[in-house]
Amino acid sequence: VQLQASGGGLVQAGGSLRLSCAASTRTFSMFQMGWFRQAPGKEREFVGGILRVTSTTYYSDSVKGRFTISRDNAKNTVYLQMNLLKPEDTAVYYCAAGSNTKWLDWGQGTQVTVSS
């Protein structure tokens, strides 16, 4: 699956951004989808995910209550709505598509910078 993330940018602390990730597949609804991020000098970390059947979402503690993941299977797109952004949210954000057991494909990443 080819994934194209977009929507990153520069925002002030407390602001919002919505990231999109478009998938080039007709079987998008069959994939679990997730978002990850990587800050400079740090390892890639899991942000959150959305299940393929129930669209149940789950998040890391660092973003819970501030970020929301959704998916539109008709548009082959997953979204990451980010509210109340903090400088520590600054990172390159990646979307991923996976099976029930592992992440299979990754997008190219989109930069999010939060200024204080």
Protein backbone atom coordinates (compact mmCIF):
# COMPACT_ATOMS: atom_id res chain seq x y z
CA VAL A 1 0.00 0.00 0.00
CA GLN A 2 1.31 3.44 -0.91
CA LEU A 3 0.55 6.08 1.68
CA GLN A 4 0.73 9.84 1.23
CA ALA A 5 0.60 11.99 4.34
CA SER A 6 -0.15 15.69 4.22
CA GLY A 7 -1.33 18.57 6.36
CA GLY A 8 1.73 19.30 8.44
CA GLY A 9 2.97 22.78 9.13
CA LEU A 10 3.92 25.36 11.70
CA VAL A 11 1.45 26.17 14.46
CA GLN A 12 1.59 27.96 17.79
CA ALA A 13 1.21 26.08 21.03
CA GLY A 14 -2.45 25.53 21.80
CA GLY A 15 -3.36 25.43 18.14
CA SER A 16 -4.68 22.66 15.94
CA LEU A 17 -3.75 20.80 12.79
CA ARG A 18 -5.35 17.99 10.86
CA LEU A 19 -3.18 15.50 9.08
CA SER A 20 -4.45 13.33 6.26
CA CYS A 21 -3.08 10.10 4.89
CA ALA A 22 -4.36 8.87 1.54
CA ALA A 23 -3.86 5.23 0.60
CA SER A 24 -3.56 3.96 -2.94
CA THR A 25 -5.45 0.73 -2.54
CA ARG A 26 -8.96 -0.54 -3.15
CA THR A 27 -8.74 -2.64 -0.02
CA PHE A 28 -8.17 0.23 2.40
CA SER A 29 -10.97 -0.94 4.66
CA MET A 30 -9.06 -4.18 5.26
CA PHE A 31 -6.14 -2.42 6.96
CA GLN A 32 -5.57 -1.28 10.49
CA MET A 33 -4.26 2.27 10.26
CA GLY A 34 -1.93 4.08 12.58
CA TRP A 35 0.01 7.25 13.17
CA PHE A 36 3.56 7.48 14.45
CA ARG A 37 5.95 10.35 14.99
CA GLN A 38 9.66 10.90 15.25
CA ALA A 39 11.26 13.92 16.84
CA PRO A 40 14.88 14.88 16.13
CA GLY A 41 17.27 12.61 17.97
CA LYS A 42 14.50 10.35 19.20
CA GLU A 43 13.10 7.01 18.17
CA ARG A 44 9.85 6.71 16.28
CA GLU A 45 6.95 6.47 18.68
CA PHE A 46 3.39 5.28 18.33
CA VAL A 47 0.74 8.01 18.43
CA GLY A 48 -2.50 6.14 17.85
CA GLY A 49 -4.40 3.74 15.68
CA ILE A 50 -7.81 2.87 14.32
CA LEU A 51 -9.13 -0.62 13.77
CA ARG A 52 -10.35 -1.71 10.38
CA VAL A 53 -13.74 -3.17 11.24
CA THR A 54 -15.04 -1.30 14.23
CA SER A 55 -13.03 1.91 13.75
CA THR A 56 -12.18 1.69 17.42
CA THR A 57 -9.38 4.08 18.23
CA TYR A 58 -6.55 3.86 20.71
CA TYR A 59 -3.87 6.37 21.66
CA SER A 60 -0.63 6.80 23.48
CA ASP A 61 -0.92 8.48 26.84
CA SER A 62 0.98 11.50 25.59
CA VAL A 63 -1.76 12.47 23.13
CA LYS A 64 -4.89 10.97 24.64
CA GLY A 65 -7.62 13.56 24.97
CA ARG A 66 -5.95 15.92 22.50
CA PHE A 67 -5.63 13.90 19.30
CA THR A 68 -8.39 12.09 17.40
CA ILE A 69 -8.01 9.54 14.64
CA SER A 70 -10.73 8.84 12.12
CA ARG A 71 -10.99 7.11 8.79
CA ASP A 72 -13.09 7.46 5.67
CA ASN A 73 -13.04 4.15 3.86
CA ALA A 74 -14.86 5.63 0.86
CA LYS A 75 -11.96 8.06 0.39
CA ASN A 76 -9.22 5.61 1.39
CA THR A 77 -8.05 8.19 3.90
CA VAL A 78 -7.18 8.28 7.59
CA TYR A 79 -7.02 11.50 9.57
CA LEU A 80 -5.25 12.73 12.66
CA GLN A 81 -6.90 15.74 14.28
CA MET A 82 -4.46 17.34 16.68
CA ASN A 83 -5.72 19.89 19.20
CA LEU A 84 -4.06 21.71 22.07
CA LEU A 85 -0.70 21.19 20.45
CA LYS A 86 2.42 21.47 22.55
CA PRO A 87 6.04 22.15 21.54
CA GLU A 88 6.85 18.55 22.46
CA ASP A 89 4.48 17.40 19.71
CA THR A 90 7.00 18.71 17.17
CA ALA A 91 8.02 15.79 14.99
CA VAL A 92 7.71 14.19 11.60
CA TYR A 93 4.41 12.35 11.56
CA TYR A 94 4.00 9.10 9.65
CA CYS A 95 0.96 7.07 8.82
CA ALA A 96 1.10 3.31 8.60
CA ALA A 97 -1.07 0.49 7.33
CA GLY A 98 -1.05 -2.88 8.95
CA SER A 99 -2.51 -6.26 9.60
CA ASN A 100 -3.72 -7.52 12.94
CA THR A 101 -0.18 -8.36 13.96
CA LYS A 102 2.23 -5.87 12.39
CA TRP A 103 2.62 -2.62 10.51
CA LEU A 104 3.25 -3.32 6.84
CA ASP A 105 3.64 -0.04 4.96
CA TRP A 106 4.61 3.51 5.85
CA GLY A 107 3.98 6.93 4.37
CA GLN A 108 6.75 9.43 3.72
CA GLY A 109 6.03 11.65 6.72
CA THR A 110 4.87 15.21 7.20
CA GLN A 111 6.55 17.76 9.45
CA VAL A 112 4.65 19.28 12.35
CA THR A 113 6.32 22.13 14.21
CA VAL A 114 4.75 23.66 17.29
CA SER A 115 6.20 26.95 18.47
CA SER A 116 6.05 28.08 22.07
